[in-house]
Amino acid sequence: MDKRKSYTAEEKIKILREVLEDGKPISQTADQYGLHPNNIFKWRKQLFEGGAKIFQVKRADISAKAEERKIAVLEEKIKQKDEVIAEFAEELLGLKKKSTGLR
């Protein structure tokens, strides 16, 4: 019984490069490597579906700085709201004292 050959990622890229860059026909490439052409189609699909991840670069330092700025802005808003609440509380206390005659 024949044992299936498994290909490494590097071998798959080499085979796909022959097809995609060199323009070699898939059927000819499949015959050369003893593959079924559907394997090459499947690998090509996987390459293009996974390729988007390569271009999605996330830099932690930029994300961290943006998050720090967002936190600073939100803390400033909270501080302003606390000041407004304190003013209203002070005014309310003054009105209560005035209405009860405790002044």
N, C-alpha and C. Protein backbone atom coordinates (compact mmCIF):
# COMPACT_ATOMS: atom_id res chain seq x y z
N MET A 1 0.84 -1.18 0.00
CA MET A 1 0.00 0.00 0.00
C MET A 1 0.88 1.24 0.00
N ASP A 2 0.53 2.21 -0.84
CA ASP A 2 1.31 3.44 -0.96
C ASP A 2 1.04 4.35 0.23
N LYS A 3 2.10 4.95 0.71
CA LYS A 3 1.97 5.91 1.80
C LYS A 3 1.93 7.31 1.19
N ARG A 4 1.03 8.13 1.67
CA ARG A 4 0.91 9.49 1.15
C ARG A 4 2.11 10.32 1.57
N LYS A 5 2.57 11.13 0.65
CA LYS A 5 3.66 12.06 0.97
C LYS A 5 3.05 13.33 1.53
N SER A 6 3.60 13.78 2.62
CA SER A 6 3.15 15.06 3.17
C SER A 6 4.19 16.10 2.81
N TYR A 7 3.72 17.27 2.51
CA TYR A 7 4.60 18.35 2.08
C TYR A 7 4.72 19.40 3.18
N THR A 8 5.92 19.90 3.35
CA THR A 8 6.13 20.96 4.33
C THR A 8 5.60 22.27 3.76
N ALA A 9 5.48 23.25 4.61
CA ALA A 9 5.02 24.56 4.16
C ALA A 9 5.96 25.14 3.10
N GLU A 10 7.26 24.91 3.28
CA GLU A 10 8.23 25.43 2.32
C GLU A 10 8.06 24.76 0.96
N GLU A 11 7.79 23.45 0.97
CA GLU A 11 7.60 22.74 -0.28
C GLU A 11 6.32 23.21 -0.99
N LYS A 12 5.29 23.43 -0.22
CA LYS A 12 4.04 23.91 -0.81
C LYS A 12 4.23 25.28 -1.45
N ILE A 13 4.95 26.16 -0.77
CA ILE A 13 5.22 27.49 -1.31
C ILE A 13 6.04 27.38 -2.59
N LYS A 14 7.02 26.49 -2.60
CA LYS A 14 7.85 26.30 -3.80
C LYS A 14 6.99 25.86 -4.98
N ILE A 15 6.08 24.91 -4.72
CA ILE A 15 5.21 24.41 -5.78
C ILE A 15 4.26 25.51 -6.25
N LEU A 16 3.68 26.25 -5.31
CA LEU A 16 2.78 27.34 -5.67
C LEU A 16 3.51 28.45 -6.42
N ARG A 17 4.74 28.70 -6.06
CA ARG A 17 5.52 29.73 -6.75
C ARG A 17 5.72 29.36 -8.22
N GLU A 18 5.96 28.08 -8.47
CA GLU A 18 6.12 27.65 -9.86
C GLU A 18 4.85 27.92 -10.66
N VAL A 19 3.71 27.70 -10.03
CA VAL A 19 2.44 27.91 -10.72
C VAL A 19 2.11 29.39 -10.85
N LEU A 20 2.22 30.12 -9.75
CA LEU A 20 1.76 31.51 -9.72
C LEU A 20 2.75 32.49 -10.33
N GLU A 21 4.02 32.35 -10.03
CA GLU A 21 5.00 33.31 -10.54
C GLU A 21 5.56 32.90 -11.89
N ASP A 22 5.87 31.62 -12.04
CA ASP A 22 6.50 31.17 -13.27
C ASP A 22 5.49 30.85 -14.36
N GLY A 23 4.22 30.77 -13.99
CA GLY A 23 3.17 30.51 -14.97
C GLY A 23 3.13 29.08 -15.47
N LYS A 24 3.69 28.19 -14.72
CA LYS A 24 3.71 26.78 -15.10
C LYS A 24 2.30 26.20 -14.92
N PRO A 25 1.81 25.42 -15.88
CA PRO A 25 0.46 24.86 -15.74
C PRO A 25 0.33 23.96 -14.52
N ILE A 26 -0.84 24.03 -13.88
CA ILE A 26 -1.08 23.24 -12.67
C ILE A 26 -0.97 21.75 -12.96
N SER A 27 -1.50 21.32 -14.09
CA SER A 27 -1.45 19.89 -14.42
C SER A 27 -0.02 19.40 -14.58
N GLN A 28 0.81 20.20 -15.20
CA GLN A 28 2.22 19.83 -15.39
C GLN A 28 2.95 19.81 -14.05
N THR A 29 2.69 20.79 -13.21
CA THR A 29 3.33 20.86 -11.90
C THR A 29 2.88 19.68 -11.03
N ALA A 30 1.59 19.35 -11.10
CA ALA A 30 1.07 18.23 -10.32
C ALA A 30 1.74 16.93 -10.77
N ASP A 31 1.88 16.73 -12.06
CA ASP A 31 2.54 15.52 -12.56
C ASP A 31 4.00 15.46 -12.10
N GLN A 32 4.66 16.59 -12.16
CA GLN A 32 6.08 16.64 -11.77
C GLN A 32 6.28 16.21 -10.32
N TYR A 33 5.39 16.64 -9.43
CA TYR A 33 5.55 16.35 -8.01
C TYR A 33 4.72 15.16 -7.54
N GLY A 34 3.99 14.53 -8.45
CA GLY A 34 3.19 13.37 -8.08
C GLY A 34 1.99 13.74 -7.23
N LEU A 35 1.39 14.87 -7.55
CA LEU A 35 0.25 15.40 -6.81
C LEU A 35 -1.02 15.32 -7.64
N HIS A 36 -2.13 15.40 -6.96
CA HIS A 36 -3.39 15.61 -7.66
C HIS A 36 -3.55 17.12 -7.82
N PRO A 37 -4.00 17.58 -8.97
CA PRO A 37 -4.14 19.04 -9.16
C PRO A 37 -5.02 19.71 -8.11
N ASN A 38 -5.99 18.98 -7.57
CA ASN A 38 -6.85 19.58 -6.53
C ASN A 38 -6.05 20.00 -5.31
N ASN A 39 -4.96 19.30 -5.01
CA ASN A 39 -4.11 19.71 -3.88
C ASN A 39 -3.53 21.10 -4.11
N ILE A 40 -3.09 21.33 -5.32
CA ILE A 40 -2.50 22.65 -5.64
C ILE A 40 -3.58 23.73 -5.55
N PHE A 41 -4.78 23.45 -6.05
CA PHE A 41 -5.87 24.41 -5.94
C PHE A 41 -6.20 24.69 -4.47
N LYS A 42 -6.21 23.66 -3.66
CA LYS A 42 -6.52 23.81 -2.23
C LYS A 42 -5.44 24.65 -1.54
N TRP A 43 -4.18 24.36 -1.85
CA TRP A 43 -3.09 25.13 -1.24
C TRP A 43 -3.15 26.59 -1.67
N ARG A 44 -3.48 26.84 -2.94
CA ARG A 44 -3.58 28.22 -3.43
C ARG A 44 -4.69 28.95 -2.67
N LYS A 45 -5.82 28.28 -2.48
CA LYS A 45 -6.94 28.88 -1.75
C LYS A 45 -6.52 29.21 -0.32
N GLN A 46 -5.83 28.28 0.33
CA GLN A 46 -5.36 28.51 1.70
C GLN A 46 -4.39 29.67 1.75
N LEU A 47 -3.52 29.77 0.76
CA LEU A 47 -2.55 30.86 0.71
C LEU A 47 -3.25 32.21 0.64
N PHE A 48 -4.23 32.33 -0.25
CA PHE A 48 -4.91 33.61 -0.40
C PHE A 48 -5.82 33.93 0.78
N GLU A 49 -6.45 32.93 1.37
CA GLU A 49 -7.30 33.18 2.53
C GLU A 49 -6.49 33.56 3.75
N GLY A 50 -5.32 32.95 3.92
CA GLY A 50 -4.48 33.27 5.07
C GLY A 50 -3.56 34.45 4.84
N GLY A 51 -3.44 34.87 3.59
CA GLY A 51 -2.54 35.96 3.25
C GLY A 51 -2.94 37.29 3.85
N ALA A 52 -4.22 37.49 4.10
CA ALA A 52 -4.67 38.77 4.66
C ALA A 52 -4.06 39.01 6.04
N LYS A 53 -3.79 37.95 6.77
CA LYS A 53 -3.21 38.08 8.10
C LYS A 53 -1.81 38.70 8.05
N ILE A 54 -1.12 38.46 6.97
CA ILE A 54 0.24 38.99 6.82
C ILE A 54 0.22 40.51 6.79
N PHE A 55 -0.79 41.07 6.15
CA PHE A 55 -0.85 42.52 5.97
C PHE A 55 -1.53 43.23 7.13
N GLN A 56 -2.07 42.51 8.08
CA GLN A 56 -2.71 43.11 9.24
C GLN A 56 -1.69 43.24 10.35
N VAL A 57 -0.91 44.30 10.28
CA VAL A 57 0.14 44.52 11.26
C VAL A 57 -0.43 45.31 12.41
N LYS A 58 -0.30 44.76 13.59
CA LYS A 58 -0.74 45.47 14.79
C LYS A 58 0.49 45.74 15.63
N ARG A 59 0.72 47.00 15.86
CA ARG A 59 1.86 47.36 16.69
C ARG A 59 1.35 47.66 18.09
N ALA A 60 1.87 46.92 19.02
CA ALA A 60 1.42 47.05 20.41
C ALA A 60 1.71 48.44 20.97
N ASP A 61 2.85 49.03 20.58
CA ASP A 61 3.20 50.33 21.13
C ASP A 61 2.22 51.41 20.67
N ILE A 62 1.74 51.34 19.44
CA ILE A 62 0.78 52.32 18.95
C ILE A 62 -0.56 52.11 19.64
N SER A 63 -0.98 50.87 19.74
CA SER A 63 -2.25 50.56 20.39
C SER A 63 -2.23 51.00 21.85
N ALA A 64 -1.13 50.76 22.53
CA ALA A 64 -1.02 51.14 23.94
C ALA A 64 -1.08 52.65 24.10
N LYS A 65 -0.41 53.39 23.23
CA LYS A 65 -0.43 54.85 23.32
C LYS A 65 -1.83 55.40 23.05
N ALA A 66 -2.50 54.82 22.08
CA ALA A 66 -3.87 55.27 21.78
C ALA A 66 -4.79 54.99 22.95
N GLU A 67 -4.61 53.84 23.56
CA GLU A 67 -5.43 53.49 24.72
C GLU A 67 -5.16 54.43 25.88
N GLU A 68 -3.90 54.78 26.11
CA GLU A 68 -3.55 55.71 27.19
C GLU A 68 -4.18 57.08 26.95
N ARG A 69 -4.16 57.54 25.69
CA ARG A 69 -4.78 58.83 25.38
C ARG A 69 -6.28 58.79 25.62
N LYS A 70 -6.90 57.69 25.22
CA LYS A 70 -8.34 57.54 25.42
C LYS A 70 -8.68 57.55 26.91
N ILE A 71 -7.88 56.87 27.70
CA ILE A 71 -8.10 56.84 29.15
C ILE A 71 -7.94 58.24 29.74
N ALA A 72 -6.94 58.98 29.29
CA ALA A 72 -6.72 60.34 29.80
C ALA A 72 -7.91 61.24 29.49
N VAL A 73 -8.45 61.12 28.28
CA VAL A 73 -9.61 61.93 27.89
C VAL A 73 -10.82 61.57 28.75
N LEU A 74 -11.04 60.28 28.96
CA LEU A 74 -12.18 59.85 29.77
C LEU A 74 -12.03 60.27 31.23
N GLU A 75 -10.81 60.21 31.77
CA GLU A 75 -10.58 60.66 33.14
C GLU A 75 -10.85 62.15 33.28
N GLU A 76 -10.48 62.93 32.26
CA GLU A 76 -10.74 64.37 32.29
C GLU A 76 -12.24 64.65 32.28
N LYS A 77 -12.99 63.89 31.48
CA LYS A 77 -14.44 64.05 31.45
C LYS A 77 -15.06 63.73 32.80
N ILE A 78 -14.58 62.66 33.43
CA ILE A 78 -15.08 62.29 34.76
C ILE A 78 -14.79 63.40 35.76
N LYS A 79 -13.60 63.97 35.69
CA LYS A 79 -13.22 65.06 36.60
C LYS A 79 -14.15 66.26 36.43
N GLN A 80 -14.45 66.61 35.17
CA GLN A 80 -15.34 67.73 34.92
C GLN A 80 -16.75 67.44 35.45
N LYS A 81 -17.23 66.24 35.26
CA LYS A 81 -18.56 65.88 35.74
C LYS A 81 -18.61 65.90 37.26
N ASP A 82 -17.54 65.44 37.89
CA ASP A 82 -17.48 65.48 39.36
C ASP A 82 -17.54 66.92 39.87
N GLU A 83 -16.87 67.83 39.17
CA GLU A 83 -16.89 69.24 39.56
C GLU A 83 -18.30 69.82 39.44
N VAL A 84 -18.99 69.48 38.36
CA VAL A 84 -20.36 69.97 38.17
C VAL A 84 -21.27 69.41 39.25
N ILE A 85 -21.12 68.13 39.56
CA ILE A 85 -21.94 67.51 40.62
C ILE A 85 -21.67 68.17 41.96
N ALA A 86 -20.40 68.48 42.23
CA ALA A 86 -20.05 69.14 43.50
C ALA A 86 -20.68 70.53 43.59
N GLU A 87 -20.68 71.27 42.47
CA GLU A 87 -21.31 72.59 42.45
C GLU A 87 -22.81 72.49 42.74
N PHE A 88 -23.46 71.53 42.06
CA PHE A 88 -24.90 71.35 42.28
C PHE A 88 -25.20 70.92 43.72
N ALA A 89 -24.38 70.06 44.26
CA ALA A 89 -24.59 69.61 45.64
C ALA A 89 -24.42 70.77 46.61
N GLU A 90 -23.43 71.61 46.37
CA GLU A 90 -23.20 72.77 47.23
C GLU A 90 -24.37 73.75 47.13
N GLU A 91 -24.85 73.97 45.91
CA GLU A 91 -25.99 74.87 45.70
C GLU A 91 -27.25 74.31 46.35
N LEU A 92 -27.46 73.02 46.23
CA LEU A 92 -28.62 72.37 46.83
C LEU A 92 -28.57 72.48 48.35
N LEU A 93 -27.39 72.27 48.93
CA LEU A 93 -27.23 72.38 50.37
C LEU A 93 -27.55 73.81 50.83
N GLY A 94 -27.07 74.79 50.08
CA GLY A 94 -27.34 76.19 50.40
C GLY A 94 -28.83 76.50 50.35
N LEU A 95 -29.52 75.97 49.33
CA LEU A 95 -30.97 76.19 49.21
C LEU A 95 -31.73 75.53 50.35
N LYS A 96 -31.28 74.34 50.76
CA LYS A 96 -31.95 73.65 51.88
C LYS A 96 -31.79 74.45 53.15
N LYS A 97 -30.59 74.95 53.41
CA LYS A 97 -30.33 75.74 54.62
C LYS A 97 -31.17 77.01 54.61
N LYS A 98 -31.24 77.63 53.44
CA LYS A 98 -32.00 78.88 53.31
C LYS A 98 -33.48 78.65 53.54
N SER A 99 -33.98 77.53 52.99
CA SER A 99 -35.43 77.28 53.12
C SER A 99 -35.81 76.87 54.53
N THR A 100 -34.90 76.28 55.28
CA THR A 100 -35.20 75.88 56.65
C THR A 100 -34.79 76.96 57.66
N GLY A 101 -34.14 77.96 57.21
CA GLY A 101 -33.76 79.06 58.07
C GLY A 101 -32.55 78.75 58.94
N LEU A 102 -31.70 77.86 58.54
CA LEU A 102 -30.51 77.50 59.33
C LEU A 102 -29.30 78.38 59.01
N ARG A 103 -29.42 79.26 58.19
CA ARG A 103 -28.29 80.09 57.77
C ARG A 103 -27.80 80.95 58.83
